[in-house]
C-alpha atoms as a PDB file:
ATOM      1  CA  MET A   1      10.975  -6.752   5.302  1.00  0.00           C
ATOM      2  CA  ALA A   2      12.660  -8.907   7.755  1.00  0.00           C
ATOM      3  CA  ILE A   3      10.339 -11.893   7.934  1.00  0.00           C
ATOM      4  CA  ASN A   4      10.794 -13.799   4.678  1.00  0.00           C
ATOM      5  CA  SER A   5       8.990 -17.167   5.671  1.00  0.00           C
ATOM      6  CA  VAL A   6       5.346 -17.575   6.585  1.00  0.00           C
ATOM      7  CA  ARG A   7       3.200 -20.566   7.843  1.00  0.00           C
ATOM      8  CA  ILE A   8       0.823 -22.046   5.287  1.00  0.00           C
ATOM      9  CA  GLN A   9      -2.365 -20.763   7.184  1.00  0.00           C
ATOM     10  CA  ASP A  10      -0.909 -17.416   7.373  1.00  0.00           C
ATOM     11  CA  ALA A  11       0.021 -17.542   3.638  1.00  0.00           C
ATOM     12  CA  ALA A  12      -3.823 -18.425   3.005  1.00  0.00           C
ATOM     13  CA  ASP A  13      -4.834 -15.568   5.121  1.00  0.00           C
ATOM     14  CA  LYS A  14      -2.629 -12.853   3.481  1.00  0.00           C
ATOM     15  CA  LEU A  15      -2.077 -14.078   0.007  1.00  0.00           C
ATOM     16  CA  SER A  16      -2.642 -10.712  -1.546  1.00  0.00           C
ATOM     17  CA  GLU A  17      -0.139  -8.938   0.875  1.00  0.00           C
ATOM     18  CA  LEU A  18       2.403 -11.773   0.067  1.00  0.00           C
ATOM     19  CA  LEU A  19       2.060 -11.488  -3.614  1.00  0.00           C
ATOM     20  CA  ALA A  20       2.481  -7.828  -3.526  1.00  0.00           C
ATOM     21  CA  ARG A  21       5.873  -8.436  -1.616  1.00  0.00           C
ATOM     22  CA  VAL A  22       6.852 -11.137  -4.347  1.00  0.00           C
ATOM     23  CA  GLU A  23       5.873  -8.655  -7.084  1.00  0.00           C
ATOM     24  CA  ALA A  24       8.065  -6.131  -5.467  1.00  0.00           C
ATOM     25  CA  GLY A  25      11.077  -8.580  -5.664  1.00  0.00           C
ATOM     26  CA  GLU A  26      10.983 -10.591  -2.335  1.00  0.00           C
ATOM     27  CA  THR A  27      11.191 -14.289  -2.204  1.00  0.00           C
ATOM     28  CA  ILE A  28       9.188 -15.834   0.656  1.00  0.00           C
ATOM     29  CA  THR A  29       9.377 -19.436   2.053  1.00  0.00           C
ATOM     30  CA  VAL A  30       6.163 -21.115   2.960  1.00  0.00           C
ATOM     31  CA  THR A  31       6.582 -23.529   5.943  1.00  0.00           C
ATOM     32  CA  ARG A  32       4.495 -26.304   7.442  1.00  0.00           C
ATOM     33  CA  CYS A  33       5.344 -27.126  11.020  1.00  0.00           C
ATOM     34  CA  GLY A  34       8.661 -25.128  10.605  1.00  0.00           C
ATOM     35  CA  THR A  35       9.776 -27.206   7.514  1.00  0.00           C
ATOM     36  CA  PRO A  36       9.990 -25.261   4.287  1.00  0.00           C
ATOM     37  CA  VAL A  37       7.496 -26.732   1.730  1.00  0.00           C
ATOM     38  CA  ALA A  38       7.273 -24.075  -0.969  1.00  0.00           C
ATOM     39  CA  LEU A  39       8.936 -20.687  -2.355  1.00  0.00           C
ATOM     40  CA  LEU A  40       6.872 -17.772  -3.482  1.00  0.00           C
ATOM     41  CA  THR A  41       9.302 -15.995  -6.003  1.00  0.00           C
ATOM     42  CA  PRO A  42       8.989 -13.330  -8.625  1.00  0.00           C
ATOM     43  CA  VAL A  43       8.658 -14.369 -12.369  1.00  0.00           C
ATOM     44  CA  ALA A  44      12.057 -13.452 -13.878  1.00  0.00           C
ATOM     45  CA  ARG A  45      10.940 -10.244 -15.432  1.00  0.00           C
ATOM     46  CA  GLU A  46      12.405  -6.599 -15.278  1.00  0.00           C
ATOM     47  CA  VAL A  47      10.512  -4.546 -12.685  1.00  0.00           C
ATOM     48  CA  SER A  48      11.110  -0.912 -12.586  1.00  0.00           C
ATOM     49  CA  PRO A  49      12.354   0.806  -9.238  1.00  0.00           C
ATOM     50  CA  ALA A  50       9.159   2.958  -9.298  1.00  0.00           C
ATOM     51  CA  ARG A  51       6.864  -0.045  -9.573  1.00  0.00           C
ATOM     52  CA  ARG A  52       8.695  -1.922  -7.082  1.00  0.00           C
ATOM     53  CA  ALA A  53       8.280   1.128  -4.703  1.00  0.00           C
ATOM     54  CA  ILE A  54       4.533   1.382  -5.606  1.00  0.00           C
ATOM     55  CA  VAL A  55       3.955  -2.255  -4.836  1.00  0.00           C
ATOM     56  CA  ARG A  56       5.665  -2.004  -1.573  1.00  0.00           C
ATOM     57  CA  LEU A  57       3.860   1.029  -0.456  1.00  0.00           C
ATOM     58  CA  ARG A  58       0.565  -0.830  -1.292  1.00  0.00           C
ATOM     59  CA  ALA A  59       1.673  -3.638   0.823  1.00  0.00           C
ATOM     60  CA  LEU A  60       2.202  -1.370   3.703  1.00  0.00           C
ATOM     61  CA  ARG A  61      -1.368   0.221   3.584  1.00  0.00           C
ATOM     62  CA  GLY A  62      -3.046  -2.418   5.691  1.00  0.00           C
ATOM     63  CA  GLY A  63      -1.482  -0.993   8.876  1.00  0.00           C
ATOM     64  CA  ALA A  64       1.925  -2.531   8.571  1.00  0.00           C
ATOM     65  CA  LEU A  65       4.543  -1.948  10.974  1.00  0.00           C
ATOM     66  CA  LEU A  66       7.907  -0.374  10.168  1.00  0.00           C
ATOM     67  CA  ASN A  67      10.430  -0.863  13.021  1.00  0.00           C
ATOM     68  CA  GLY A  68       7.521  -1.352  15.285  1.00  0.00           C
ATOM     69  CA  LEU A  69       5.671   1.810  14.360  1.00  0.00           C
ATOM     70  CA  LYS A  70       2.447   2.061  12.306  1.00  0.00           C
ATOM     71  CA  ILE A  71       2.857   4.090   9.090  1.00  0.00           C
ATOM     72  CA  GLU A  72       0.235   6.557  10.481  1.00  0.00           C
ATOM     73  CA  GLU A  73       2.435   7.202  13.538  1.00  0.00           C
ATOM     74  CA  LEU A  74       5.283   7.932  11.415  1.00  0.00           C
ATOM     75  CA  ARG A  75       3.143  10.101   9.034  1.00  0.00           C
ATOM     76  CA  ASP A  76       1.871  12.092  12.181  1.00  0.00           C
ATOM     77  CA  GLU A  77       5.165  12.528  14.072  1.00  0.00           C
ATOM     78  CA  GLY A  78       5.775  15.990  14.876  1.00  0.00           C
ATOM     79  CA  ARG A  79       2.385  17.240  13.648  1.00  0.00           C
ATOM     80  CA  PRO A  80       0.382  19.476  16.118  1.00  0.00           C
END
């Protein structure tokens, strides 16, 4: 994902999604007024590529965008 920082309020509102991203291996910076105050980092453990893919797909379920397109739009592209 392109955005690796999040405001404190957004972090509180989307904690489950952020934790899924962290579990998939991403590190996220939490900011207050643009100043970094915390890091969400994965616990040092081996995560299988399959598990990482599952976690990332679950994070996308909530109507996430991929290059500005909804997952449903990508799925339905070219379908009659």
